N, C-alpha and C. Protein backbone atom coordinates (compact mmCIF):
# COMPACT_ATOMS: atom_id res chain seq x y z
N MET A 1 177.38 46.46 236.90
CA MET A 1 179.05 46.24 236.29
C MET A 1 179.55 47.11 236.79
N THR A 2 180.73 47.29 237.56
CA THR A 2 181.89 47.99 238.40
C THR A 2 182.96 48.42 237.59
N SER A 3 183.17 49.53 237.61
CA SER A 3 184.72 49.79 236.59
C SER A 3 185.42 49.61 237.72
N LEU A 4 186.81 49.88 237.58
CA LEU A 4 187.38 49.60 238.02
C LEU A 4 187.81 50.78 239.20
N ASN A 5 187.50 52.14 239.21
CA ASN A 5 187.71 53.30 239.92
C ASN A 5 186.71 52.86 241.20
N GLY A 6 185.61 52.11 240.44
CA GLY A 6 184.43 51.68 242.06
C GLY A 6 183.47 52.04 241.19
N HIS A 7 183.30 52.43 240.06
CA HIS A 7 181.74 54.02 239.79
C HIS A 7 181.24 52.70 238.88
N ARG A 8 179.85 52.45 239.35
CA ARG A 8 178.88 51.61 238.50
C ARG A 8 179.17 52.24 236.67
N THR A 9 179.09 51.06 235.96
CA THR A 9 178.89 50.84 234.60
C THR A 9 177.42 50.39 233.91
N GLY A 10 177.46 50.94 232.51
CA GLY A 10 176.41 50.40 232.17
C GLY A 10 175.07 50.96 232.01
N THR A 11 174.00 50.63 231.18
CA THR A 11 172.96 51.56 231.17
C THR A 11 171.15 50.91 231.45
N GLY A 12 170.43 51.51 231.30
CA GLY A 12 169.40 51.20 231.68
C GLY A 12 168.75 50.92 232.70
N VAL A 13 167.59 50.54 233.00
CA VAL A 13 166.98 51.16 234.69
C VAL A 13 167.45 50.58 235.53
N ASP A 14 168.45 49.37 235.45
CA ASP A 14 169.13 49.23 236.69
C ASP A 14 169.92 50.40 236.61
N ASP A 15 170.56 51.31 236.21
CA ASP A 15 171.31 52.41 236.57
C ASP A 15 170.54 53.41 237.41
N GLU A 16 168.83 54.14 236.53
CA GLU A 16 168.41 54.49 237.01
C GLU A 16 168.03 54.41 238.80
N GLU A 17 167.31 53.13 239.17
CA GLU A 17 167.01 52.56 240.26
C GLU A 17 168.91 52.91 240.84
N ALA A 18 169.76 52.51 240.62
CA ALA A 18 171.10 52.64 241.31
C ALA A 18 171.50 53.85 241.88
N VAL A 19 171.08 54.83 240.89
CA VAL A 19 171.47 56.34 241.31
C VAL A 19 169.95 56.37 241.85
N LEU A 20 168.90 56.31 241.95
CA LEU A 20 167.73 56.66 243.16
C LEU A 20 168.57 56.48 244.26
N ALA A 21 168.85 55.08 244.08
CA ALA A 21 169.32 54.82 245.71
C ALA A 21 170.42 55.41 246.21
N ASP A 22 171.65 55.89 245.44
CA ASP A 22 172.57 56.51 245.68
C ASP A 22 171.83 57.96 246.36
N ILE A 23 170.91 58.57 245.64
CA ILE A 23 170.79 60.12 245.98
C ILE A 23 169.70 59.73 247.12
N THR A 24 168.86 58.69 247.59
CA THR A 24 167.91 58.40 248.60
C THR A 24 168.31 58.27 249.79
N ALA A 25 169.99 57.39 249.53
CA ALA A 25 170.49 57.36 250.64
C ALA A 25 171.15 59.10 250.98
N MET A 26 171.79 60.03 250.69
CA MET A 26 172.08 61.11 250.19
C MET A 26 171.37 61.67 251.22
N LEU A 27 170.14 61.75 250.28
CA LEU A 27 168.95 62.88 251.20
C LEU A 27 168.61 62.18 252.88
N ALA A 28 168.75 61.21 252.99
CA ALA A 28 168.43 60.46 254.31
C ALA A 28 169.46 60.89 254.76
N ASN A 29 171.04 61.08 254.42
CA ASN A 29 171.77 61.53 255.97
C ASN A 29 171.53 63.41 255.98
N LEU A 30 171.10 63.49 255.00
CA LEU A 30 170.68 64.86 254.96
C LEU A 30 169.44 65.60 256.23
N LEU A 31 168.56 64.50 255.52
CA LEU A 31 167.47 64.68 256.75
C LEU A 31 167.48 64.43 258.23
N ASP A 32 168.54 63.56 257.87
CA ASP A 32 168.75 62.99 259.22
C ASP A 32 169.05 63.80 260.10
N GLU A 33 170.06 64.72 259.78
CA GLU A 33 170.32 66.37 260.91
C GLU A 33 169.04 67.07 261.26
N TYR A 34 168.18 66.85 260.72
CA TYR A 34 167.20 67.68 260.92
C TYR A 34 165.84 66.65 261.85
N GLY A 35 166.40 65.40 262.05
CA GLY A 35 165.34 64.73 262.95
C GLY A 35 164.27 63.67 261.83
N LEU A 36 164.60 64.15 260.41
CA LEU A 36 163.57 63.18 259.72
C LEU A 36 163.84 62.11 259.35
N ASP A 37 164.07 61.15 259.54
CA ASP A 37 164.65 59.60 259.30
C ASP A 37 163.46 58.92 258.50
N ASP A 38 162.09 59.54 258.40
CA ASP A 38 161.31 58.62 258.22
C ASP A 38 160.11 58.86 256.88
N VAL A 39 161.24 59.77 256.12
CA VAL A 39 160.71 60.45 255.04
C VAL A 39 160.45 59.41 253.75
N GLU A 40 160.00 59.39 252.80
CA GLU A 40 159.82 58.23 251.96
C GLU A 40 160.23 59.13 250.73
N ILE A 41 161.26 58.89 249.90
CA ILE A 41 162.02 59.48 248.71
C ILE A 41 161.63 58.56 247.46
N ARG A 42 160.87 59.36 246.56
CA ARG A 42 160.95 58.49 245.57
C ARG A 42 160.84 59.80 244.11
N MET A 43 160.79 58.86 242.89
CA MET A 43 161.13 59.83 242.06
C MET A 43 160.19 61.01 241.89
N ASP A 44 159.34 61.28 242.25
CA ASP A 44 157.99 62.50 242.40
C ASP A 44 158.00 63.29 243.64
N THR A 45 159.28 62.60 244.37
CA THR A 45 159.30 64.19 245.59
C THR A 45 160.11 65.04 245.09
N THR A 46 159.15 66.14 245.80
CA THR A 46 160.03 67.40 245.36
C THR A 46 160.83 67.90 246.73
N PHE A 47 162.06 68.37 245.85
CA PHE A 47 163.15 69.12 247.03
C PHE A 47 162.20 69.92 248.34
N ASN A 48 161.89 70.98 247.32
CA ASN A 48 160.97 71.87 248.36
C ASN A 48 159.84 71.65 249.25
N ARG A 49 158.90 71.10 248.30
CA ARG A 49 157.40 70.85 248.96
C ARG A 49 157.37 69.69 249.93
N ASP A 50 158.12 68.52 249.52
CA ASP A 50 157.99 67.43 249.93
C ASP A 50 159.17 67.75 251.13
N LEU A 51 160.23 67.58 250.91
CA LEU A 51 161.42 67.12 251.96
C LEU A 51 161.68 68.96 252.20
N GLU A 52 161.00 69.83 251.89
CA GLU A 52 161.48 70.96 252.67
C GLU A 52 162.88 71.62 253.11
N LEU A 53 163.60 70.90 252.15
CA LEU A 53 165.44 71.84 251.79
C LEU A 53 165.43 73.03 251.41
N GLU A 54 166.44 73.70 252.05
CA GLU A 54 166.67 75.13 251.83
C GLU A 54 167.83 75.55 251.03
N SER A 55 167.82 76.05 250.87
CA SER A 55 169.27 76.84 249.41
C SER A 55 170.13 75.66 250.02
N ILE A 56 170.74 75.82 251.24
CA ILE A 56 172.02 75.48 251.50
C ILE A 56 171.89 73.75 251.75
N ASP A 57 171.19 73.67 252.04
CA ASP A 57 170.74 71.89 251.85
C ASP A 57 170.95 71.35 250.06
N LEU A 58 170.86 72.04 249.32
CA LEU A 58 170.87 71.60 247.72
C LEU A 58 172.37 72.11 247.84
N VAL A 59 173.25 73.25 248.56
CA VAL A 59 174.32 72.93 248.30
C VAL A 59 175.08 71.69 248.94
N THR A 60 174.94 71.29 250.30
CA THR A 60 175.27 70.29 251.00
C THR A 60 175.15 68.94 249.84
N LEU A 61 174.03 68.82 249.28
CA LEU A 61 173.55 67.76 248.25
C LEU A 61 174.63 68.04 246.75
N ALA A 62 175.13 68.75 246.61
CA ALA A 62 175.40 69.60 245.39
C ALA A 62 177.15 68.80 245.87
N GLY A 63 177.56 69.04 247.35
CA GLY A 63 179.21 68.58 247.77
C GLY A 63 178.84 66.86 247.68
N LEU A 64 177.70 66.33 248.12
CA LEU A 64 177.68 65.33 248.02
C LEU A 64 177.77 64.49 246.75
N LEU A 65 177.32 65.52 246.19
CA LEU A 65 177.16 64.28 244.68
C LEU A 65 178.76 64.53 243.72
N GLU A 66 179.35 65.34 244.38
CA GLU A 66 180.43 65.78 243.39
C GLU A 66 181.75 64.50 244.71
N GLU A 67 180.96 63.93 245.57
CA GLU A 67 182.13 63.06 246.69
C GLU A 67 181.64 61.80 245.83
N LYS A 68 180.26 61.04 245.38
CA LYS A 68 180.00 60.35 244.99
C LYS A 68 180.53 60.26 243.33
N TYR A 69 180.61 61.16 242.49
CA TYR A 69 180.55 60.81 241.46
C TYR A 69 181.40 61.67 240.72
N GLY A 70 182.09 62.41 241.30
CA GLY A 70 183.47 63.74 240.99
C GLY A 70 182.81 64.60 240.40
N ASN A 71 183.38 65.11 239.39
CA ASN A 71 183.24 66.30 237.66
C ASN A 71 182.41 65.87 236.91
N ARG A 72 182.28 64.09 237.15
CA ARG A 72 181.18 64.26 236.13
C ARG A 72 179.72 64.58 235.98
N VAL A 73 179.61 64.77 237.34
CA VAL A 73 177.91 65.30 237.40
C VAL A 73 177.93 66.88 238.15
N ASN A 74 177.78 67.83 237.42
CA ASN A 74 177.69 69.21 237.99
C ASN A 74 176.32 69.61 238.58
N PHE A 75 176.18 69.62 240.00
CA PHE A 75 174.29 69.89 240.33
C PHE A 75 174.39 71.53 240.18
N ALA A 76 175.42 72.41 240.42
CA ALA A 76 175.30 73.92 239.88
C ALA A 76 174.82 74.41 238.67
N GLU A 77 175.51 73.29 237.80
CA GLU A 77 175.49 74.07 236.47
C GLU A 77 174.09 73.28 236.41
N PHE A 78 173.32 72.31 236.46
CA PHE A 78 172.33 71.83 236.25
C PHE A 78 170.93 73.25 236.91
N LEU A 79 171.33 73.13 238.35
CA LEU A 79 170.39 74.11 238.74
C LEU A 79 170.34 75.56 237.75
N ALA A 80 171.63 75.90 237.58
CA ALA A 80 171.79 77.47 237.00
C ALA A 80 171.03 77.50 235.57
N GLY A 81 170.66 76.22 235.20
CA GLY A 81 169.92 76.26 233.66
C GLY A 81 168.70 76.72 234.24
N MET A 82 168.25 76.14 235.11
CA MET A 82 166.67 76.32 235.21
C MET A 82 166.17 77.95 235.82
N GLU A 83 165.07 78.03 235.40
CA GLU A 83 164.15 78.50 235.98
C GLU A 83 163.62 78.73 237.59
N PHE A 84 163.40 79.71 238.02
CA PHE A 84 163.39 79.97 239.95
C PHE A 84 162.16 78.80 240.28
N ASP A 85 161.05 79.19 239.13
CA ASP A 85 159.80 77.63 239.55
C ASP A 85 160.10 76.53 238.93
N GLU A 86 161.13 76.63 238.57
CA GLU A 86 161.65 74.79 238.12
C GLU A 86 161.85 74.20 239.51
N ILE A 87 163.38 75.17 239.97
CA ILE A 87 163.64 74.90 241.16
C ILE A 87 162.75 74.32 242.62
N ILE A 88 162.02 75.08 242.66
CA ILE A 88 160.96 74.79 243.31
C ILE A 88 160.37 73.76 243.13
N GLU A 89 160.01 73.43 242.03
CA GLU A 89 158.96 72.21 241.95
C GLU A 89 160.42 70.92 241.06
N LEU A 90 161.37 71.23 241.52
CA LEU A 90 162.56 70.10 241.04
C LEU A 90 162.39 68.61 241.87
N THR A 91 161.98 67.81 240.99
CA THR A 91 161.76 66.29 241.91
C THR A 91 163.26 65.34 242.21
N VAL A 92 162.69 64.88 242.83
CA VAL A 92 163.99 63.12 242.95
C VAL A 92 164.31 62.81 241.67
N GLY A 93 163.11 62.41 240.67
CA GLY A 93 163.10 62.07 239.76
C GLY A 93 164.29 62.68 238.31
N ARG A 94 163.88 64.29 238.34
CA ARG A 94 164.63 64.90 237.44
C ARG A 94 166.18 65.14 237.63
N LEU A 95 166.20 64.76 239.14
CA LEU A 95 167.84 64.89 239.33
C LEU A 95 168.70 63.94 239.15
N VAL A 96 167.35 62.92 239.10
CA VAL A 96 168.57 61.35 238.71
C VAL A 96 168.25 61.42 237.50
N GLU A 97 167.67 62.01 236.67
CA GLU A 97 167.59 61.82 235.45
C GLU A 97 168.85 62.52 234.92
N HIS A 98 169.21 63.54 235.24
CA HIS A 98 169.93 64.30 235.42
C HIS A 98 171.29 63.66 235.20
N VAL A 99 171.62 63.08 236.44
CA VAL A 99 173.04 62.42 236.66
C VAL A 99 172.98 60.73 235.37
N VAL A 100 171.84 60.18 236.04
CA VAL A 100 172.25 59.05 234.71
C VAL A 100 172.57 59.69 233.25
N ALA A 101 171.81 60.78 232.55
CA ALA A 101 172.50 61.42 231.86
C ALA A 101 174.11 61.72 231.70
N SER A 102 174.33 62.78 232.62
CA SER A 102 175.81 62.96 232.75
C SER A 102 176.72 61.77 233.00
N LEU A 103 176.39 60.44 233.53
CA LEU A 103 177.34 59.51 233.75
C LEU A 103 177.41 58.98 232.26
N LYS A 104 176.34 58.72 231.50
CA LYS A 104 176.21 58.14 230.79
C LYS A 104 177.13 58.87 229.43
N ALA A 105 176.92 60.40 229.38
CA ALA A 105 177.47 61.26 228.69
C ALA A 105 179.21 61.18 228.77
N THR A 106 179.89 61.24 229.87
CA THR A 106 181.21 61.08 230.34
C THR A 106 181.57 59.37 230.01
N GLU A 107 180.55 58.75 229.97
CA GLU A 107 181.49 57.05 229.72
C GLU A 107 181.68 57.72 227.98
N ALA A 108 180.24 57.85 227.46
CA ALA A 108 180.86 57.94 225.74
C ALA A 108 181.76 58.87 225.38
N SER A 109 182.60 59.84 226.46
CA SER A 109 183.58 60.51 225.47
C SER A 109 184.52 59.75 226.21
């Protein structure tokens, strides 16, 4: 379901799949700049080990998330609440879960 402003609404697995598709597209765009267009992105894909993204790439991803979701998803705040080791092991799935939870929280308020 889509709201008047074009954002997906609703709850459930399809939300997670939609957010995963959005984040996969963002990452594919980011990786394409490095000539890495054949990387498979799944929920268990890590940003550091699997995608070899640098901190500047995470800043770019934060900007892409803000473009897509506005201030409903705060990636910088999400990362700020983590220990360094958690950031190094951050998976796409954990980000997807954060985005879905953030979107649900703003829908509920």
